[in-house]
Amino acid sequence: MQKYTDFIDEVLVDQPGIEKRVRELGEQISRDYAGQDLLVVCLLRGGLTFTADLTRWISVEHELDCMSLSSYGTGHYSSSGNVRVNLDLMTNIEGRNVLLVEDIVDSGRTMAHVLMMLKTRDPKSVRICVLLDKKMRREVEVNVDYVGFDVPDKYVFGYGIDIDEHFRHLPFIATADLEKYQKPE
């Protein structure tokens, strides 16, 4: 297995920076939902680390559920635009405030599909919280309510975000030099 130090380009956000921003987002979400019902929906798998840390800072009563989607084509940077639901919600969201938590939004295709699907279930509201927003890659307009960090149009990994299902465990967010990366066999 190749070491990430062989292909890391730069660290965009270090561990203290992530911890500080996640706390700020949790506090803001707590203020915004004070006295209201809240269902936090983690979009697996990339959003798992972020959601786990974020919910520790959300001080209002809330429930947690998960969804798993796939929308990938071939290669590191492509998406087919076709979204498949691998795991749907177990919670009825009718009349509920839903907060979707995702690791990154780039093209917006997956998030737009999820929003369209969830809105047919008559929630009271649906808001989006993302760790990373790659606005320059947006193909479909998506309104993100809570943003951890804006990132450049580069391949990012760490803190829950993988490269070929590896490196999610890293406590920072970095960019990868994909010309130096060797896919595991």
N, C-alpha and C. Protein backbone atom coordinates (compact mmCIF):
# COMPACT_ATOMS: atom_id res chain seq x y z
N MET A 1 0.84 -1.19 0.00
CA MET A 1 0.00 0.00 0.00
C MET A 1 0.88 1.24 0.00
N GLN A 2 0.60 2.13 -0.89
CA GLN A 2 1.35 3.37 -1.00
C GLN A 2 1.04 4.28 0.19
N LYS A 3 2.05 5.00 0.66
CA LYS A 3 1.86 5.96 1.74
C LYS A 3 1.34 7.28 1.16
N TYR A 4 0.46 7.92 1.91
CA TYR A 4 -0.10 9.19 1.42
C TYR A 4 0.98 10.25 1.24
N THR A 5 2.07 10.13 1.99
CA THR A 5 3.15 11.12 1.88
C THR A 5 3.82 11.07 0.52
N ASP A 6 3.59 9.99 -0.24
CA ASP A 6 4.18 9.86 -1.58
C ASP A 6 3.44 10.70 -2.62
N PHE A 7 2.17 11.05 -2.35
CA PHE A 7 1.40 11.77 -3.37
C PHE A 7 0.67 12.99 -2.83
N ILE A 8 0.88 13.31 -1.57
CA ILE A 8 0.20 14.49 -1.02
C ILE A 8 0.75 15.75 -1.69
N ASP A 9 -0.15 16.63 -2.05
CA ASP A 9 0.24 17.89 -2.67
C ASP A 9 0.38 18.96 -1.59
N GLU A 10 -0.70 19.19 -0.83
CA GLU A 10 -0.65 20.13 0.28
C GLU A 10 -1.76 19.84 1.28
N VAL A 11 -1.53 20.19 2.52
CA VAL A 11 -2.57 20.10 3.54
C VAL A 11 -3.40 21.37 3.46
N LEU A 12 -4.69 21.22 3.17
CA LEU A 12 -5.58 22.38 3.06
C LEU A 12 -6.07 22.83 4.43
N VAL A 13 -6.45 21.85 5.28
CA VAL A 13 -6.97 22.16 6.60
C VAL A 13 -6.38 21.14 7.58
N ASP A 14 -5.71 21.65 8.61
CA ASP A 14 -5.11 20.76 9.61
C ASP A 14 -6.16 20.35 10.65
N GLN A 15 -5.78 19.44 11.52
CA GLN A 15 -6.72 18.91 12.51
C GLN A 15 -7.29 19.99 13.42
N PRO A 16 -6.48 20.90 13.98
CA PRO A 16 -7.08 21.95 14.82
C PRO A 16 -8.06 22.84 14.04
N GLY A 17 -7.76 23.09 12.78
CA GLY A 17 -8.66 23.90 11.95
C GLY A 17 -10.00 23.22 11.73
N ILE A 18 -9.96 21.91 11.49
CA ILE A 18 -11.19 21.14 11.32
C ILE A 18 -12.00 21.15 12.61
N GLU A 19 -11.34 20.85 13.73
CA GLU A 19 -12.04 20.80 15.01
C GLU A 19 -12.72 22.12 15.34
N LYS A 20 -12.03 23.22 15.09
CA LYS A 20 -12.59 24.55 15.37
C LYS A 20 -13.82 24.82 14.50
N ARG A 21 -13.70 24.53 13.21
CA ARG A 21 -14.81 24.82 12.31
C ARG A 21 -16.02 23.91 12.56
N VAL A 22 -15.77 22.64 12.88
CA VAL A 22 -16.88 21.72 13.18
C VAL A 22 -17.63 22.19 14.43
N ARG A 23 -16.90 22.65 15.42
CA ARG A 23 -17.53 23.18 16.64
C ARG A 23 -18.39 24.40 16.29
N GLU A 24 -17.85 25.32 15.48
CA GLU A 24 -18.60 26.51 15.08
C GLU A 24 -19.88 26.14 14.32
N LEU A 25 -19.79 25.17 13.42
CA LEU A 25 -20.98 24.73 12.68
C LEU A 25 -22.02 24.14 13.62
N GLY A 26 -21.58 23.29 14.54
CA GLY A 26 -22.51 22.69 15.51
C GLY A 26 -23.21 23.74 16.35
N GLU A 27 -22.47 24.75 16.77
CA GLU A 27 -23.06 25.83 17.56
C GLU A 27 -24.06 26.64 16.74
N GLN A 28 -23.72 26.91 15.47
CA GLN A 28 -24.63 27.66 14.60
C GLN A 28 -25.91 26.87 14.33
N ILE A 29 -25.77 25.58 14.05
CA ILE A 29 -26.93 24.72 13.81
C ILE A 29 -27.80 24.68 15.07
N SER A 30 -27.18 24.59 16.23
CA SER A 30 -27.93 24.57 17.51
C SER A 30 -28.74 25.84 17.69
N ARG A 31 -28.16 26.99 17.36
CA ARG A 31 -28.90 28.26 17.45
C ARG A 31 -30.07 28.26 16.46
N ASP A 32 -29.80 27.82 15.23
CA ASP A 32 -30.82 27.87 14.18
C ASP A 32 -32.00 26.94 14.46
N TYR A 33 -31.75 25.84 15.15
CA TYR A 33 -32.81 24.86 15.41
C TYR A 33 -33.25 24.86 16.88
N ALA A 34 -32.94 25.88 17.62
CA ALA A 34 -33.33 25.95 19.03
C ALA A 34 -34.84 25.77 19.16
N GLY A 35 -35.24 24.84 20.01
CA GLY A 35 -36.65 24.59 20.27
C GLY A 35 -37.39 23.86 19.17
N GLN A 36 -36.66 23.35 18.18
CA GLN A 36 -37.30 22.66 17.06
C GLN A 36 -36.88 21.20 16.99
N ASP A 37 -37.69 20.43 16.31
CA ASP A 37 -37.39 19.04 16.00
C ASP A 37 -36.29 19.00 14.93
N LEU A 38 -35.32 18.09 15.06
CA LEU A 38 -34.24 18.00 14.08
C LEU A 38 -33.86 16.55 13.84
N LEU A 39 -33.77 16.20 12.55
CA LEU A 39 -33.26 14.90 12.13
C LEU A 39 -31.99 15.16 11.32
N VAL A 40 -30.87 14.66 11.81
CA VAL A 40 -29.59 14.77 11.10
C VAL A 40 -29.44 13.53 10.24
N VAL A 41 -29.21 13.73 8.94
CA VAL A 41 -29.06 12.62 8.00
C VAL A 41 -27.63 12.63 7.46
N CYS A 42 -26.89 11.59 7.81
CA CYS A 42 -25.52 11.43 7.33
C CYS A 42 -25.54 10.74 5.98
N LEU A 43 -24.85 11.34 5.01
CA LEU A 43 -24.69 10.69 3.71
C LEU A 43 -23.39 9.90 3.76
N LEU A 44 -23.55 8.58 3.77
CA LEU A 44 -22.43 7.65 3.92
C LEU A 44 -21.67 7.52 2.61
N ARG A 45 -20.47 7.15 2.68
CA ARG A 45 -19.57 6.91 3.78
C ARG A 45 -18.72 8.13 4.06
N GLY A 46 -18.55 8.96 3.08
CA GLY A 46 -17.68 10.12 3.26
C GLY A 46 -18.10 11.05 4.38
N GLY A 47 -19.40 11.16 4.63
CA GLY A 47 -19.88 12.07 5.65
C GLY A 47 -19.85 11.53 7.07
N LEU A 48 -19.43 10.28 7.25
CA LEU A 48 -19.50 9.64 8.55
C LEU A 48 -18.63 10.32 9.61
N THR A 49 -17.38 10.56 9.32
CA THR A 49 -16.47 11.18 10.29
C THR A 49 -16.96 12.58 10.66
N PHE A 50 -17.31 13.36 9.65
CA PHE A 50 -17.80 14.72 9.87
C PHE A 50 -19.08 14.72 10.69
N THR A 51 -20.03 13.85 10.34
CA THR A 51 -21.29 13.79 11.07
C THR A 51 -21.09 13.40 12.53
N ALA A 52 -20.23 12.41 12.77
CA ALA A 52 -19.97 11.97 14.15
C ALA A 52 -19.43 13.12 14.99
N ASP A 53 -18.49 13.86 14.45
CA ASP A 53 -17.92 15.00 15.19
C ASP A 53 -18.92 16.14 15.31
N LEU A 54 -19.64 16.43 14.24
CA LEU A 54 -20.60 17.54 14.24
C LEU A 54 -21.71 17.33 15.26
N THR A 55 -22.27 16.13 15.33
CA THR A 55 -23.40 15.90 16.23
C THR A 55 -23.00 16.04 17.69
N ARG A 56 -21.74 15.90 18.01
CA ARG A 56 -21.28 16.14 19.39
C ARG A 56 -21.41 17.61 19.77
N TRP A 57 -21.43 18.49 18.77
CA TRP A 57 -21.53 19.92 19.02
C TRP A 57 -22.92 20.47 18.81
N ILE A 58 -23.84 19.64 18.35
CA ILE A 58 -25.23 20.08 18.21
C ILE A 58 -25.92 19.84 19.55
N SER A 59 -26.24 20.93 20.23
CA SER A 59 -26.76 20.83 21.60
C SER A 59 -28.27 20.67 21.67
N VAL A 60 -28.97 20.88 20.56
CA VAL A 60 -30.42 20.68 20.58
C VAL A 60 -30.71 19.19 20.40
N GLU A 61 -31.85 18.76 20.94
CA GLU A 61 -32.25 17.37 20.77
C GLU A 61 -32.34 17.06 19.28
N HIS A 62 -31.80 15.93 18.90
CA HIS A 62 -31.87 15.53 17.50
C HIS A 62 -31.79 14.01 17.37
N GLU A 63 -32.28 13.54 16.26
CA GLU A 63 -32.16 12.13 15.90
C GLU A 63 -31.17 12.02 14.75
N LEU A 64 -30.70 10.80 14.51
CA LEU A 64 -29.71 10.57 13.46
C LEU A 64 -30.16 9.40 12.59
N ASP A 65 -30.03 9.57 11.30
CA ASP A 65 -30.28 8.50 10.34
C ASP A 65 -29.22 8.61 9.25
N CYS A 66 -29.13 7.60 8.40
CA CYS A 66 -28.11 7.57 7.35
C CYS A 66 -28.71 7.17 6.02
N MET A 67 -28.08 7.65 4.97
CA MET A 67 -28.37 7.24 3.60
C MET A 67 -27.04 6.92 2.94
N SER A 68 -27.08 6.00 2.00
CA SER A 68 -25.90 5.69 1.20
C SER A 68 -26.28 5.78 -0.27
N LEU A 69 -25.49 6.53 -1.01
CA LEU A 69 -25.74 6.77 -2.43
C LEU A 69 -24.47 6.49 -3.22
N SER A 70 -24.64 6.21 -4.48
CA SER A 70 -23.46 6.14 -5.35
C SER A 70 -23.79 6.86 -6.65
N SER A 71 -22.79 7.56 -7.16
CA SER A 71 -23.00 8.34 -8.38
C SER A 71 -21.71 8.48 -9.16
N TYR A 72 -20.94 7.43 -9.19
CA TYR A 72 -19.62 7.55 -9.80
C TYR A 72 -19.56 6.91 -11.17
N GLY A 73 -18.75 7.53 -12.02
CA GLY A 73 -18.43 6.96 -13.33
C GLY A 73 -17.09 6.28 -13.19
N THR A 74 -16.25 6.46 -14.18
CA THR A 74 -14.92 5.87 -14.12
C THR A 74 -13.91 6.97 -13.88
N GLY A 75 -12.84 6.63 -13.19
CA GLY A 75 -11.80 7.62 -12.92
C GLY A 75 -12.07 8.38 -11.65
N HIS A 76 -11.04 9.09 -11.20
CA HIS A 76 -11.11 9.80 -9.93
C HIS A 76 -12.07 10.98 -9.96
N TYR A 77 -12.22 11.60 -11.11
CA TYR A 77 -12.90 12.89 -11.15
C TYR A 77 -14.22 12.87 -11.89
N SER A 78 -14.71 11.69 -12.23
CA SER A 78 -15.92 11.69 -13.04
C SER A 78 -17.12 11.19 -12.28
N SER A 79 -18.25 11.68 -12.68
CA SER A 79 -19.51 11.23 -12.11
C SER A 79 -20.47 11.02 -13.26
N SER A 80 -21.18 9.92 -13.24
CA SER A 80 -22.09 9.61 -14.33
C SER A 80 -23.32 10.50 -14.32
N GLY A 81 -23.62 11.09 -13.16
CA GLY A 81 -24.85 11.85 -13.03
C GLY A 81 -26.01 10.95 -12.66
N ASN A 82 -25.82 9.64 -12.72
CA ASN A 82 -26.83 8.67 -12.30
C ASN A 82 -26.62 8.38 -10.82
N VAL A 83 -27.66 8.56 -10.04
CA VAL A 83 -27.56 8.36 -8.59
C VAL A 83 -28.34 7.12 -8.21
N ARG A 84 -27.70 6.25 -7.46
CA ARG A 84 -28.35 5.03 -6.98
C ARG A 84 -28.41 5.09 -5.46
N VAL A 85 -29.57 4.78 -4.90
CA VAL A 85 -29.73 4.74 -3.45
C VAL A 85 -29.37 3.32 -3.00
N ASN A 86 -28.30 3.20 -2.23
CA ASN A 86 -27.87 1.91 -1.70
C ASN A 86 -28.52 1.62 -0.35
N LEU A 87 -28.75 2.67 0.44
CA LEU A 87 -29.38 2.57 1.75
C LEU A 87 -30.27 3.78 1.93
N ASP A 88 -31.54 3.55 2.13
CA ASP A 88 -32.49 4.65 2.29
C ASP A 88 -32.73 4.91 3.78
N LEU A 89 -33.36 6.02 4.08
CA LEU A 89 -33.69 6.38 5.45
C LEU A 89 -34.63 5.36 6.07
N MET A 90 -34.47 5.15 7.36
CA MET A 90 -35.40 4.31 8.10
C MET A 90 -36.43 5.16 8.83
N THR A 91 -36.20 6.47 8.88
CA THR A 91 -37.04 7.41 9.61
C THR A 91 -38.02 8.09 8.66
N ASN A 92 -39.26 8.22 9.08
CA ASN A 92 -40.25 8.98 8.34
C ASN A 92 -39.94 10.47 8.55
N ILE A 93 -39.73 11.21 7.46
CA ILE A 93 -39.34 12.62 7.59
C ILE A 93 -40.52 13.58 7.39
N GLU A 94 -41.71 13.08 7.21
CA GLU A 94 -42.86 13.95 7.00
C GLU A 94 -43.02 14.91 8.18
N GLY A 95 -43.05 16.22 7.87
CA GLY A 95 -43.22 17.24 8.89
C GLY A 95 -42.00 17.51 9.75
N ARG A 96 -40.84 16.96 9.37
CA ARG A 96 -39.63 17.09 10.19
C ARG A 96 -38.63 18.05 9.55
N ASN A 97 -37.80 18.66 10.39
CA ASN A 97 -36.66 19.44 9.91
C ASN A 97 -35.52 18.45 9.67
N VAL A 98 -35.02 18.43 8.44
CA VAL A 98 -33.98 17.50 8.05
C VAL A 98 -32.71 18.28 7.73
N LEU A 99 -31.60 17.83 8.31
CA LEU A 99 -30.29 18.42 8.02
C LEU A 99 -29.45 17.34 7.36
N LEU A 100 -29.19 17.50 6.05
CA LEU A 100 -28.33 16.57 5.32
C LEU A 100 -26.88 16.94 5.60
N VAL A 101 -26.07 15.96 5.99
CA VAL A 101 -24.66 16.20 6.27
C VAL A 101 -23.83 15.38 5.30
N GLU A 102 -22.99 16.06 4.54
CA GLU A 102 -22.21 15.46 3.47
C GLU A 102 -20.75 15.90 3.59
N ASP A 103 -19.85 15.09 3.08
CA ASP A 103 -18.44 15.45 3.13
C ASP A 103 -18.09 16.56 2.15
N ILE A 104 -18.57 16.44 0.90
CA ILE A 104 -18.20 17.42 -0.12
C ILE A 104 -19.31 17.55 -1.16
N VAL A 105 -19.50 18.77 -1.64
CA VAL A 105 -20.38 19.01 -2.78
C VAL A 105 -19.52 19.62 -3.86
N ASP A 106 -19.53 18.98 -5.03
CA ASP A 106 -18.80 19.57 -6.15
C ASP A 106 -19.76 19.82 -7.31
N SER A 107 -20.06 18.83 -8.16
CA SER A 107 -20.96 19.08 -9.30
C SER A 107 -22.37 19.46 -8.84
N GLY A 108 -22.78 18.95 -7.68
CA GLY A 108 -24.11 19.22 -7.16
C GLY A 108 -25.15 18.22 -7.63
N ARG A 109 -24.78 17.33 -8.54
CA ARG A 109 -25.74 16.37 -9.10
C ARG A 109 -26.33 15.44 -8.04
N THR A 110 -25.46 14.85 -7.22
CA THR A 110 -25.93 13.92 -6.21
C THR A 110 -26.83 14.62 -5.20
N MET A 111 -26.38 15.78 -4.73
CA MET A 111 -27.16 16.50 -3.72
C MET A 111 -28.50 16.95 -4.29
N ALA A 112 -28.53 17.40 -5.52
CA ALA A 112 -29.79 17.81 -6.14
C ALA A 112 -30.75 16.62 -6.23
N HIS A 113 -30.23 15.46 -6.55
CA HIS A 113 -31.06 14.26 -6.62
C HIS A 113 -31.63 13.91 -5.25
N VAL A 114 -30.79 13.95 -4.22
CA VAL A 114 -31.24 13.65 -2.86
C VAL A 114 -32.31 14.64 -2.42
N LEU A 115 -32.08 15.93 -2.67
CA LEU A 115 -33.06 16.95 -2.30
C LEU A 115 -34.41 16.71 -2.97
N MET A 116 -34.37 16.42 -4.26
CA MET A 116 -35.60 16.18 -5.01
C MET A 116 -36.34 14.97 -4.42
N MET A 117 -35.59 13.91 -4.12
CA MET A 117 -36.19 12.70 -3.58
C MET A 117 -36.80 12.95 -2.20
N LEU A 118 -36.06 13.64 -1.32
CA LEU A 118 -36.54 13.86 0.04
C LEU A 118 -37.72 14.82 0.09
N LYS A 119 -37.75 15.80 -0.78
CA LYS A 119 -38.85 16.76 -0.77
C LYS A 119 -40.19 16.12 -1.13
N THR A 120 -40.16 14.98 -1.83
CA THR A 120 -41.41 14.27 -2.14
C THR A 120 -41.99 13.61 -0.89
N ARG A 121 -41.21 13.56 0.19
CA ARG A 121 -41.66 12.93 1.43
C ARG A 121 -42.21 13.94 2.43
N ASP A 122 -42.42 15.17 2.00
CA ASP A 122 -43.06 16.24 2.77
C ASP A 122 -42.38 16.59 4.10
N PRO A 123 -41.08 16.83 4.09
CA PRO A 123 -40.45 17.31 5.33
C PRO A 123 -40.85 18.75 5.56
N LYS A 124 -40.74 19.21 6.80
CA LYS A 124 -40.98 20.61 7.13
C LYS A 124 -39.93 21.48 6.45
N SER A 125 -38.66 21.04 6.54
CA SER A 125 -37.56 21.75 5.89
C SER A 125 -36.43 20.78 5.63
N VAL A 126 -35.60 21.13 4.64
CA VAL A 126 -34.38 20.38 4.36
C VAL A 126 -33.26 21.39 4.17
N ARG A 127 -32.23 21.26 4.98
CA ARG A 127 -31.04 22.10 4.85
C ARG A 127 -29.83 21.19 4.64
N ILE A 128 -28.76 21.80 4.13
CA ILE A 128 -27.55 21.05 3.80
C ILE A 128 -26.37 21.61 4.58
N CYS A 129 -25.59 20.70 5.17
CA CYS A 129 -24.34 21.05 5.83
C CYS A 129 -23.24 20.22 5.19
N VAL A 130 -22.24 20.88 4.63
CA VAL A 130 -21.12 20.17 4.01
C VAL A 130 -19.81 20.59 4.65
N LEU A 131 -18.92 19.65 4.74
CA LEU A 131 -17.58 19.96 5.22
C LEU A 131 -16.83 20.78 4.18
N LEU A 132 -16.88 20.34 2.93
CA LEU A 132 -16.14 20.99 1.85
C LEU A 132 -17.08 21.36 0.71
N ASP A 133 -16.90 22.57 0.20
CA ASP A 133 -17.69 23.04 -0.94
C ASP A 133 -16.72 23.39 -2.07
N LYS A 134 -16.89 22.71 -3.19
CA LYS A 134 -16.05 22.93 -4.37
C LYS A 134 -16.92 23.64 -5.42
N LYS A 135 -17.21 24.91 -5.16
CA LYS A 135 -18.17 25.66 -5.96
C LYS A 135 -17.82 25.75 -7.45
N MET A 136 -16.52 25.81 -7.76
CA MET A 136 -16.13 25.99 -9.16
C MET A 136 -16.45 24.78 -10.03
N ARG A 137 -16.82 23.65 -9.42
CA ARG A 137 -17.18 22.44 -10.17
C ARG A 137 -18.70 22.29 -10.32
N ARG A 138 -19.46 23.23 -9.80
CA ARG A 138 -20.91 23.11 -9.78
C ARG A 138 -21.48 23.07 -11.19
N GLU A 139 -22.28 22.04 -11.44
CA GLU A 139 -23.01 21.88 -12.70
C GLU A 139 -24.50 22.07 -12.48
N VAL A 140 -24.94 21.78 -11.26
CA VAL A 140 -26.35 21.90 -10.88
C VAL A 140 -26.39 22.82 -9.66
N GLU A 141 -27.28 23.80 -9.70
CA GLU A 141 -27.38 24.76 -8.59
C GLU A 141 -27.92 24.07 -7.35
N VAL A 142 -27.16 24.17 -6.27
CA VAL A 142 -27.55 23.61 -4.97
C VAL A 142 -27.25 24.66 -3.92
N ASN A 143 -28.24 24.96 -3.09
CA ASN A 143 -28.05 25.93 -2.01
C ASN A 143 -27.53 25.20 -0.77
N VAL A 144 -26.28 25.46 -0.41
CA VAL A 144 -25.68 24.85 0.77
C VAL A 144 -25.83 25.84 1.93
N ASP A 145 -26.45 25.39 3.01
CA ASP A 145 -26.76 26.27 4.13
C ASP A 145 -25.60 26.45 5.10
N TYR A 146 -24.82 25.39 5.31
CA TYR A 146 -23.71 25.42 6.25
C TYR A 146 -22.47 24.84 5.55
N VAL A 147 -21.42 25.64 5.47
CA VAL A 147 -20.20 25.21 4.78
C VAL A 147 -19.02 25.26 5.74
N GLY A 148 -18.32 24.14 5.81
CA GLY A 148 -17.10 24.10 6.61
C GLY A 148 -16.00 24.91 5.95
N PHE A 149 -15.64 24.51 4.72
CA PHE A 149 -14.54 25.15 4.01
C PHE A 149 -14.82 25.13 2.51
N ASP A 150 -14.48 26.22 1.84
CA ASP A 150 -14.45 26.25 0.38
C ASP A 150 -13.09 25.70 -0.03
N VAL A 151 -13.09 24.82 -1.04
CA VAL A 151 -11.83 24.21 -1.46
C VAL A 151 -11.62 24.41 -2.96
N PRO A 152 -10.35 24.38 -3.38
CA PRO A 152 -10.05 24.55 -4.80
C PRO A 152 -10.44 23.32 -5.61
N ASP A 153 -10.40 23.47 -6.91
CA ASP A 153 -10.76 22.39 -7.83
C ASP A 153 -9.60 21.40 -7.95
N LYS A 154 -9.34 20.69 -6.86
CA LYS A 154 -8.29 19.68 -6.80
C LYS A 154 -8.87 18.46 -6.10
N TYR A 155 -8.25 17.32 -6.30
CA TYR A 155 -8.71 16.10 -5.64
C TYR A 155 -8.31 16.16 -4.17
N VAL A 156 -9.29 16.03 -3.27
CA VAL A 156 -9.03 16.13 -1.84
C VAL A 156 -9.27 14.78 -1.17
N PHE A 157 -8.60 14.58 -0.03
CA PHE A 157 -8.77 13.35 0.74
C PHE A 157 -8.43 13.61 2.19
N GLY A 158 -8.82 12.64 3.04
CA GLY A 158 -8.59 12.75 4.48
C GLY A 158 -9.87 13.13 5.21
N TYR A 159 -9.88 12.94 6.51
CA TYR A 159 -11.01 13.25 7.38
C TYR A 159 -12.32 12.71 6.81
N GLY A 160 -12.33 11.43 6.50
CA GLY A 160 -13.52 10.76 6.00
C GLY A 160 -13.59 10.63 4.49
N ILE A 161 -12.83 11.44 3.78
CA ILE A 161 -12.86 11.42 2.32
C ILE A 161 -11.75 10.50 1.82
N ASP A 162 -12.13 9.58 0.94
CA ASP A 162 -11.20 8.53 0.54
C ASP A 162 -10.57 8.75 -0.83
N ILE A 163 -9.56 7.95 -1.07
CA ILE A 163 -9.05 7.69 -2.41
C ILE A 163 -9.09 6.17 -2.52
N ASP A 164 -9.95 5.67 -3.39
CA ASP A 164 -10.11 4.22 -3.55
C ASP A 164 -10.34 3.52 -2.22
N GLU A 165 -11.18 4.10 -1.38
CA GLU A 165 -11.57 3.57 -0.06
C GLU A 165 -10.45 3.59 0.98
N HIS A 166 -9.38 4.28 0.72
CA HIS A 166 -8.28 4.40 1.68
C HIS A 166 -8.11 5.85 2.12
N PHE A 167 -7.42 6.05 3.22
CA PHE A 167 -7.00 7.35 3.76
C PHE A 167 -8.12 8.17 4.40
N ARG A 168 -9.28 7.56 4.68
CA ARG A 168 -10.35 8.26 5.39
C ARG A 168 -9.94 8.60 6.82
N HIS A 169 -9.02 7.85 7.38
CA HIS A 169 -8.63 7.96 8.78
C HIS A 169 -7.75 9.18 9.08
N LEU A 170 -7.24 9.84 8.07
CA LEU A 170 -6.32 10.96 8.30
C LEU A 170 -7.05 12.12 8.98
N PRO A 171 -6.40 12.77 9.95
CA PRO A 171 -7.07 13.83 10.73
C PRO A 171 -7.04 15.20 10.06
N PHE A 172 -6.63 15.27 8.82
CA PHE A 172 -6.56 16.53 8.09
C PHE A 172 -7.13 16.33 6.69
N ILE A 173 -7.30 17.45 5.98
CA ILE A 173 -7.76 17.42 4.59
C ILE A 173 -6.62 17.91 3.72
N ALA A 174 -6.29 17.11 2.72
CA ALA A 174 -5.17 17.43 1.84
C ALA A 174 -5.59 17.28 0.38
N THR A 175 -4.77 17.85 -0.50
CA THR A 175 -4.94 17.62 -1.93
C THR A 175 -3.96 16.55 -2.37
N ALA A 176 -4.35 15.83 -3.40
CA ALA A 176 -3.52 14.73 -3.90
C ALA A 176 -2.97 15.08 -5.28
N ASP A 177 -1.72 14.70 -5.50
CA ASP A 177 -1.12 14.76 -6.82
C ASP A 177 -1.38 13.39 -7.44
N LEU A 178 -2.43 13.29 -8.23
CA LEU A 178 -2.87 12.00 -8.74
C LEU A 178 -1.89 11.38 -9.73
N GLU A 179 -0.99 12.17 -10.28
CA GLU A 179 0.04 11.60 -11.17
C GLU A 179 1.04 10.76 -10.36
N LYS A 180 1.16 11.03 -9.08
CA LYS A 180 2.05 10.26 -8.22
C LYS A 180 1.35 9.12 -7.48
N TYR A 181 0.02 9.12 -7.55
CA TYR A 181 -0.77 8.12 -6.84
C TYR A 181 -0.80 6.82 -7.62
N GLN A 182 -0.64 5.70 -6.92
CA GLN A 182 -0.72 4.37 -7.52
C GLN A 182 -1.91 3.63 -6.93
N LYS A 183 -2.86 3.30 -7.76
CA LYS A 183 -4.05 2.59 -7.29
C LYS A 183 -3.66 1.22 -6.73
N PRO A 184 -4.22 0.87 -5.55
CA PRO A 184 -3.93 -0.45 -4.99
C PRO A 184 -4.42 -1.56 -5.90
N GLU A 185 -3.68 -2.63 -5.95
CA GLU A 185 -4.07 -3.75 -6.82
C GLU A 185 -4.89 -4.77 -6.11
